[in-house]
Amino acid sequence: MGQHAASAPDAGNAPATGAGGAAGIVVRTAGPADAAALREIAAAALTLDAPEAPELVASLSSPPAGRRWTALVTADLGGVVFASVSQRDPSVGHIDLLAVRPEARDAGRGRALVAAAEDWLRAEGAAEARFAGNPPCYAWPGIDVRYTAAAALAESLGYERHDVAWNMTASLGADTDLSTDADVARLAEAGVTVHAAGPGDRAGLDTVLAFIREHWNDNWAWEAEHAGGCHYAARGSEILGFAAWGARPAWFGPMGTAPAARGLGVGRVLLRRCLADQRAAGQENAEIGWVGPLRFYSRAAGARAERVFWLYRRALR
């Protein structure tokens, strides 16, 4: 399943022996035939992410072109770990997902999987390992603090907590006001129009992607291109802002507005348009991932800070 360099170690020939590994637990590289089992492991272990946990496996298995990554699984299919190397900084490796079936815990599988992932990262030239998201294709910003066993494992292996991130939750119930008509009319008076980019407007989407690359980065552009929906605001041929949802199942983001659009209320309209799409798709809530401005999302959509993630790192010696 992974895109492995020729020098990648074959973890399937012997018990995991990396730092912190558990003797006797065999870890091997996952293959296409393991896809269904990996999804089942995720569904059983990642209860805070139900029902989309299996989709995290699918997402991490289809990362951006050029990403070096691997999926490793215990021989008894009790646990799985995904690891990747940052394209922005090849010295940094990421442990993207770690999941062990509830009935298979407390036997060293988590330690063995992390050890095998670290061995793979070392072979790929990484000098540091992080329990932190590797944008643009990631499961979480870090370890959800409610997955306490994972945080405890990271700390017991010498990882240091170096940052914190959070997600907000926006209710998409019928009583949540996601109206935009009045704002759209006001923007139209200022010469600003709002559009949905997608299959029916590929030219518009390409223009939005160019706008994102100019003002932000390729990571956000990749997320917008792989999103379930994308909306943008324009004044003539000038793009003023965009918002996307669904690049990570059930999540909103990314979004951004150009300096020329600040104060116009463009962000509020684009956010609400995306959330309305998510509601129409049957979602009861939307997660706003890796949030910066709490106040904006709280005021624009009644969102509340709810998921907290600890980001961990340690040197690979």
Protein backbone atom coordinates (compact mmCIF):
# COMPACT_ATOMS: atom_id res chain seq x y z
CA MET A 1 0.00 0.00 0.00
CA GLY A 2 2.88 2.37 0.66
CA GLN A 3 5.20 4.00 -1.83
CA HIS A 4 8.45 2.58 -0.55
CA ALA A 5 11.96 3.58 -1.53
CA ALA A 6 14.23 0.75 -2.59
CA SER A 7 16.14 1.07 0.66
CA ALA A 8 13.06 0.74 2.87
CA PRO A 9 13.48 -2.06 5.43
CA ASP A 10 11.37 -5.18 5.14
CA ALA A 11 9.57 -5.19 8.48
CA GLY A 12 7.89 -8.51 7.78
CA ASN A 13 10.86 -10.81 8.19
CA ALA A 14 11.43 -10.57 11.92
CA PRO A 15 9.95 -9.34 15.20
CA ALA A 16 10.07 -5.57 15.61
CA THR A 17 13.31 -4.63 17.33
CA GLY A 18 13.34 -0.80 17.16
CA ALA A 19 13.51 1.46 20.20
CA GLY A 20 10.72 0.55 22.57
CA GLY A 21 9.65 -2.45 20.49
CA ALA A 22 8.03 -5.51 22.05
CA ALA A 23 9.92 -8.76 21.48
CA GLY A 24 7.96 -11.45 19.68
CA ILE A 25 5.50 -9.15 17.90
CA VAL A 26 6.02 -9.33 14.17
CA VAL A 27 5.35 -6.20 12.15
CA ARG A 28 5.23 -6.31 8.36
CA THR A 29 4.50 -3.96 5.49
CA ALA A 30 0.81 -3.91 4.63
CA GLY A 31 -0.22 -4.85 1.12
CA PRO A 32 -3.32 -4.32 -1.04
CA ALA A 33 -4.84 -7.52 0.35
CA ASP A 34 -4.81 -5.96 3.83
CA ALA A 35 -6.93 -2.93 2.89
CA ALA A 36 -10.19 -4.28 4.34
CA ALA A 37 -8.48 -5.44 7.54
CA LEU A 38 -6.86 -2.03 8.06
CA ARG A 39 -10.23 -0.35 7.73
CA GLU A 40 -11.67 -2.80 10.29
CA ILE A 41 -8.84 -2.08 12.73
CA ALA A 42 -9.48 1.65 12.40
CA ALA A 43 -13.22 1.22 12.88
CA ALA A 44 -12.69 -0.84 16.04
CA ALA A 45 -9.98 1.34 17.59
CA LEU A 46 -10.79 4.92 16.59
CA THR A 47 -14.12 5.25 18.34
CA LEU A 48 -13.92 9.04 18.60
CA ASP A 49 -13.87 9.23 14.82
CA ALA A 50 -16.84 6.97 14.08
CA PRO A 51 -18.27 6.46 11.57
CA GLU A 52 -15.56 7.88 9.30
CA ALA A 53 -12.58 6.09 10.89
CA PRO A 54 -12.24 3.57 8.02
CA GLU A 55 -12.09 6.46 5.56
CA LEU A 56 -8.96 7.75 7.30
CA VAL A 57 -7.17 4.61 6.14
CA ALA A 58 -8.40 5.17 2.58
CA SER A 59 -7.35 8.82 2.68
CA LEU A 60 -3.86 8.15 4.00
CA SER A 61 -3.47 5.43 1.36
CA SER A 62 -4.05 8.01 -1.41
CA PRO A 63 -1.74 10.91 -0.49
CA PRO A 64 -0.33 13.57 -2.80
CA ALA A 65 1.98 12.39 -5.57
CA GLY A 66 5.56 12.12 -4.45
CA ARG A 67 4.88 11.52 -0.77
CA ARG A 68 7.02 8.78 0.78
CA TRP A 69 4.83 6.77 3.11
CA THR A 70 4.19 3.32 4.46
CA ALA A 71 1.52 1.30 6.25
CA LEU A 72 2.75 -1.32 8.70
CA VAL A 73 0.60 -3.95 10.37
CA THR A 74 1.13 -6.58 13.03
CA ALA A 75 1.17 -10.09 11.61
CA ASP A 76 -1.96 -10.99 13.58
CA LEU A 77 -3.79 -7.92 12.19
CA GLY A 78 -4.18 -6.54 15.69
CA GLY A 79 -2.84 -3.08 14.91
CA VAL A 80 -1.69 -0.73 12.16
CA VAL A 81 0.51 2.34 11.86
CA PHE A 82 0.88 4.79 8.98
CA ALA A 83 4.07 6.83 8.65
CA SER A 84 5.27 9.39 6.12
CA VAL A 85 8.06 11.83 5.42
CA SER A 86 7.32 15.54 5.16
CA GLN A 87 7.68 16.89 1.63
CA ARG A 88 8.38 20.35 3.01
CA ASP A 89 11.17 19.14 5.32
CA PRO A 90 12.50 15.64 4.54
CA SER A 91 14.29 15.52 7.89
CA VAL A 92 10.88 15.28 9.61
CA GLY A 93 8.91 12.05 9.75
CA HIS A 94 5.30 11.70 10.78
CA ILE A 95 3.41 8.94 12.54
CA ASP A 96 0.10 9.66 10.85
CA LEU A 97 -2.16 7.04 12.40
CA LEU A 98 -1.76 4.40 15.09
CA ALA A 99 -4.61 2.02 15.88
CA VAL A 100 -4.76 -1.19 17.89
CA ARG A 101 -7.89 -3.27 18.29
CA PRO A 102 -9.32 -2.97 21.84
CA GLU A 103 -9.00 -6.71 22.48
CA ALA A 104 -5.34 -6.65 21.34
CA ARG A 105 -4.14 -3.85 23.64
CA ASP A 106 -1.73 -4.04 26.58
CA ALA A 107 0.46 -6.63 24.84
CA GLY A 108 3.04 -4.32 23.27
CA ARG A 109 1.58 -3.99 19.78
CA GLY A 110 1.50 -0.19 19.93
CA ARG A 111 5.16 -0.05 20.96
CA ALA A 112 6.15 -2.53 18.27
CA LEU A 113 4.31 -0.57 15.59
CA VAL A 114 5.87 2.75 16.62
CA ALA A 115 9.32 1.13 16.70
CA ALA A 116 8.84 -0.28 13.21
CA ALA A 117 7.59 3.09 11.95
CA GLU A 118 10.63 4.81 13.44
CA ASP A 119 12.93 2.28 11.76
CA TRP A 120 11.28 3.01 8.43
CA LEU A 121 11.59 6.77 8.97
CA ARG A 122 15.28 6.44 9.81
CA ALA A 123 15.85 4.47 6.62
CA GLU A 124 14.14 7.28 4.72
CA GLY A 125 16.55 9.82 6.21
CA ALA A 126 14.29 11.41 8.82
CA ALA A 127 16.05 12.80 11.89
CA GLU A 128 12.89 13.51 13.86
CA ALA A 129 9.58 11.70 14.34
CA ARG A 130 6.34 13.49 15.14
CA PHE A 131 2.90 12.45 16.27
CA ALA A 132 1.50 15.32 14.22
CA GLY A 133 -0.41 15.78 10.99
CA ASN A 134 1.52 15.84 7.72
CA PRO A 135 -0.45 18.29 5.56
CA PRO A 136 -2.21 18.23 3.25
CA CYS A 137 -3.26 14.59 3.74
CA TYR A 138 -3.54 13.79 7.43
CA ALA A 139 -5.83 12.16 9.97
CA TRP A 140 -5.55 14.69 12.80
CA PRO A 141 -3.36 17.65 13.82
CA GLY A 142 -1.90 15.51 16.62
CA ILE A 143 -3.12 13.08 19.26
CA ASP A 144 -6.65 13.78 20.47
CA VAL A 145 -6.25 14.14 24.23
CA ARG A 146 -9.19 11.77 24.71
CA TYR A 147 -7.14 8.98 23.11
CA THR A 148 -5.28 8.99 26.40
CA ALA A 149 -3.54 5.66 25.85
CA ALA A 150 -1.90 6.98 22.68
CA ALA A 151 -0.64 10.10 24.44
CA ALA A 152 0.66 8.01 27.34
CA LEU A 153 2.44 5.69 24.89
CA ALA A 154 4.09 8.62 23.11
CA GLU A 155 5.35 10.08 26.38
CA SER A 156 6.60 6.69 27.62
CA LEU A 157 8.66 6.41 24.41
CA GLY A 158 10.35 9.74 25.02
CA TYR A 159 8.24 11.99 22.83
CA GLU A 160 7.90 15.55 24.10
CA ARG A 161 4.74 17.58 23.80
CA HIS A 162 5.71 20.68 21.85
CA ASP A 163 2.47 22.21 20.55
CA VAL A 164 -1.30 22.12 20.83
CA ALA A 165 -4.07 22.43 18.25
CA TRP A 166 -7.82 22.31 18.37
CA ASN A 167 -10.88 21.68 16.21
CA MET A 168 -14.22 23.43 16.52
CA THR A 169 -17.60 21.81 16.00
CA ALA A 170 -20.43 23.53 14.14
CA SER A 171 -23.92 22.14 14.59
CA LEU A 172 -25.72 21.63 11.29
CA GLY A 173 -29.18 21.13 12.76
CA ALA A 174 -32.25 22.73 11.26
CA ASP A 175 -32.17 25.42 13.95
CA THR A 176 -28.66 26.57 12.96
CA ASP A 177 -28.84 29.74 10.88
CA LEU A 178 -26.73 29.26 7.75
CA SER A 179 -28.54 31.85 5.64
CA THR A 180 -26.48 34.00 3.27
CA ASP A 181 -29.04 35.73 1.02
CA ALA A 182 -28.83 39.12 2.69
CA ASP A 183 -25.03 39.04 2.73
CA VAL A 184 -24.84 37.92 -0.90
CA ALA A 185 -27.11 40.80 -1.91
CA ARG A 186 -24.95 43.25 0.04
CA LEU A 187 -21.79 41.91 -1.58
CA ALA A 188 -23.37 42.17 -5.03
CA GLU A 189 -23.89 45.89 -4.46
CA ALA A 190 -20.13 46.11 -3.91
CA GLY A 191 -19.45 44.21 -7.13
CA VAL A 192 -18.63 40.92 -5.37
CA THR A 193 -20.17 37.65 -6.56
CA VAL A 194 -20.15 34.22 -4.89
CA HIS A 195 -19.77 30.97 -6.80
CA ALA A 196 -19.56 27.22 -6.27
CA ALA A 197 -16.46 25.66 -7.85
CA GLY A 198 -16.60 22.08 -8.97
CA PRO A 199 -17.44 19.81 -11.88
CA GLY A 200 -19.65 22.50 -13.40
CA ASP A 201 -17.03 25.21 -13.04
CA ARG A 202 -13.62 23.64 -13.61
CA ALA A 203 -12.24 26.91 -14.97
CA GLY A 204 -13.33 28.61 -11.77
CA LEU A 205 -11.73 25.89 -9.65
CA ASP A 206 -8.44 26.18 -11.55
CA THR A 207 -8.47 29.94 -10.95
CA VAL A 208 -9.13 29.35 -7.24
CA LEU A 209 -6.26 26.86 -7.03
CA ALA A 210 -3.91 29.39 -8.59
CA PHE A 211 -5.15 31.98 -6.08
CA ILE A 212 -4.48 29.61 -3.17
CA ARG A 213 -0.96 28.81 -4.39
CA GLU A 214 -0.19 32.50 -4.77
CA HIS A 215 -1.44 33.53 -1.33
CA TRP A 216 -0.88 30.36 0.72
CA ASN A 217 0.69 27.08 -0.40
CA ASP A 218 0.40 23.85 -2.41
CA ASN A 219 -0.94 22.00 0.63
CA TRP A 220 -4.10 24.09 0.78
CA ALA A 221 -4.44 23.86 -3.00
CA TRP A 222 -4.32 20.06 -2.81
CA GLU A 223 -7.01 20.03 -0.12
CA ALA A 224 -9.24 22.38 -2.12
CA GLU A 225 -8.85 20.29 -5.27
CA HIS A 226 -9.74 17.09 -3.39
CA ALA A 227 -12.58 18.66 -1.40
CA GLY A 228 -16.19 17.60 -1.51
CA GLY A 229 -17.18 21.21 -2.17
CA CYS A 230 -15.58 24.58 -2.71
CA HIS A 231 -17.01 28.11 -2.85
CA TYR A 232 -15.27 31.32 -3.79
CA ALA A 233 -15.92 35.05 -4.02
CA ALA A 234 -14.76 37.24 -6.88
CA ARG A 235 -14.83 40.88 -7.95
CA GLY A 236 -14.68 40.73 -11.72
CA SER A 237 -11.72 38.49 -12.53
CA GLU A 238 -10.14 38.98 -9.08
CA ILE A 239 -10.56 36.15 -6.57
CA LEU A 240 -11.15 37.49 -3.08
CA GLY A 241 -11.56 34.37 -1.00
CA PHE A 242 -12.35 30.67 -0.94
CA ALA A 243 -13.61 27.97 1.41
CA ALA A 244 -13.65 24.20 1.00
CA TRP A 245 -14.95 21.15 2.84
CA GLY A 246 -14.57 17.37 2.71
CA ALA A 247 -10.90 16.92 1.83
CA ARG A 248 -10.78 15.17 5.19
CA PRO A 249 -14.15 13.39 5.57
CA ALA A 250 -16.75 15.48 7.43
CA TRP A 251 -14.35 18.36 8.10
CA PHE A 252 -14.53 21.96 6.96
CA GLY A 253 -11.45 23.70 5.62
CA PRO A 254 -9.27 25.17 4.45
CA MET A 255 -10.49 28.71 3.85
CA GLY A 256 -8.85 32.06 3.31
CA THR A 257 -9.53 35.60 2.15
CA ALA A 258 -7.26 38.02 0.36
CA PRO A 259 -6.25 41.26 2.12
CA ALA A 260 -8.45 43.18 -0.35
CA ALA A 261 -11.50 41.31 0.99
CA ARG A 262 -10.98 41.91 4.69
CA GLY A 263 -13.95 43.63 6.28
CA LEU A 264 -16.40 42.75 3.50
CA GLY A 265 -17.84 39.72 5.26
CA VAL A 266 -16.75 37.35 2.48
CA GLY A 267 -15.46 34.72 4.90
CA ARG A 268 -18.78 34.45 6.73
CA VAL A 269 -20.65 33.84 3.47
CA LEU A 270 -18.20 31.24 2.19
CA LEU A 271 -18.16 29.40 5.53
CA ARG A 272 -21.94 29.25 5.70
CA ARG A 273 -22.22 28.12 2.10
CA CYS A 274 -19.90 25.19 2.81
CA LEU A 275 -21.66 24.25 6.03
CA ALA A 276 -25.00 24.33 4.18
CA ASP A 277 -23.51 21.88 1.66
CA GLN A 278 -22.42 19.59 4.49
CA ARG A 279 -25.88 19.74 6.03
CA ALA A 280 -27.44 18.89 2.66
CA ALA A 281 -25.05 15.92 2.46
CA GLY A 282 -26.60 14.56 5.65
CA GLN A 283 -24.07 15.65 8.25
CA GLU A 284 -25.36 16.64 11.68
CA ASN A 285 -22.12 18.38 12.65
CA ALA A 286 -19.04 19.70 10.89
CA GLU A 287 -15.56 19.72 12.34
CA ILE A 288 -13.52 22.82 11.59
CA GLY A 289 -9.99 21.49 11.54
CA TRP A 290 -6.79 22.95 12.96
CA VAL A 291 -8.52 26.23 13.83
CA GLY A 292 -6.83 29.59 14.12
CA PRO A 293 -9.46 32.33 14.71
CA LEU A 294 -11.85 30.98 17.35
CA ARG A 295 -13.86 34.19 17.48
CA PHE A 296 -14.63 34.22 13.75
CA TYR A 297 -16.07 30.69 13.66
CA SER A 298 -17.95 31.20 16.90
CA ARG A 299 -19.67 34.34 15.66
CA ALA A 300 -20.22 33.24 12.05
CA ALA A 301 -21.62 29.77 12.71
CA GLY A 302 -21.99 29.29 16.47
CA ALA A 303 -19.06 26.85 16.45
CA ARG A 304 -17.53 25.70 19.73
CA ALA A 305 -14.02 24.53 20.54
CA GLU A 306 -14.30 20.83 21.25
CA ARG A 307 -11.38 18.62 20.16
CA VAL A 308 -7.90 19.31 21.54
CA PHE A 309 -4.78 17.72 20.09
CA TRP A 310 -1.30 17.42 21.57
CA LEU A 311 1.56 17.41 19.08
CA TYR A 312 4.59 15.30 20.03
CA ARG A 313 8.10 14.94 18.65
CA ARG A 314 11.40 13.26 19.40
CA ALA A 315 14.80 12.94 17.76
CA LEU A 316 15.53 9.69 15.93
CA ARG A 317 18.95 8.47 16.98
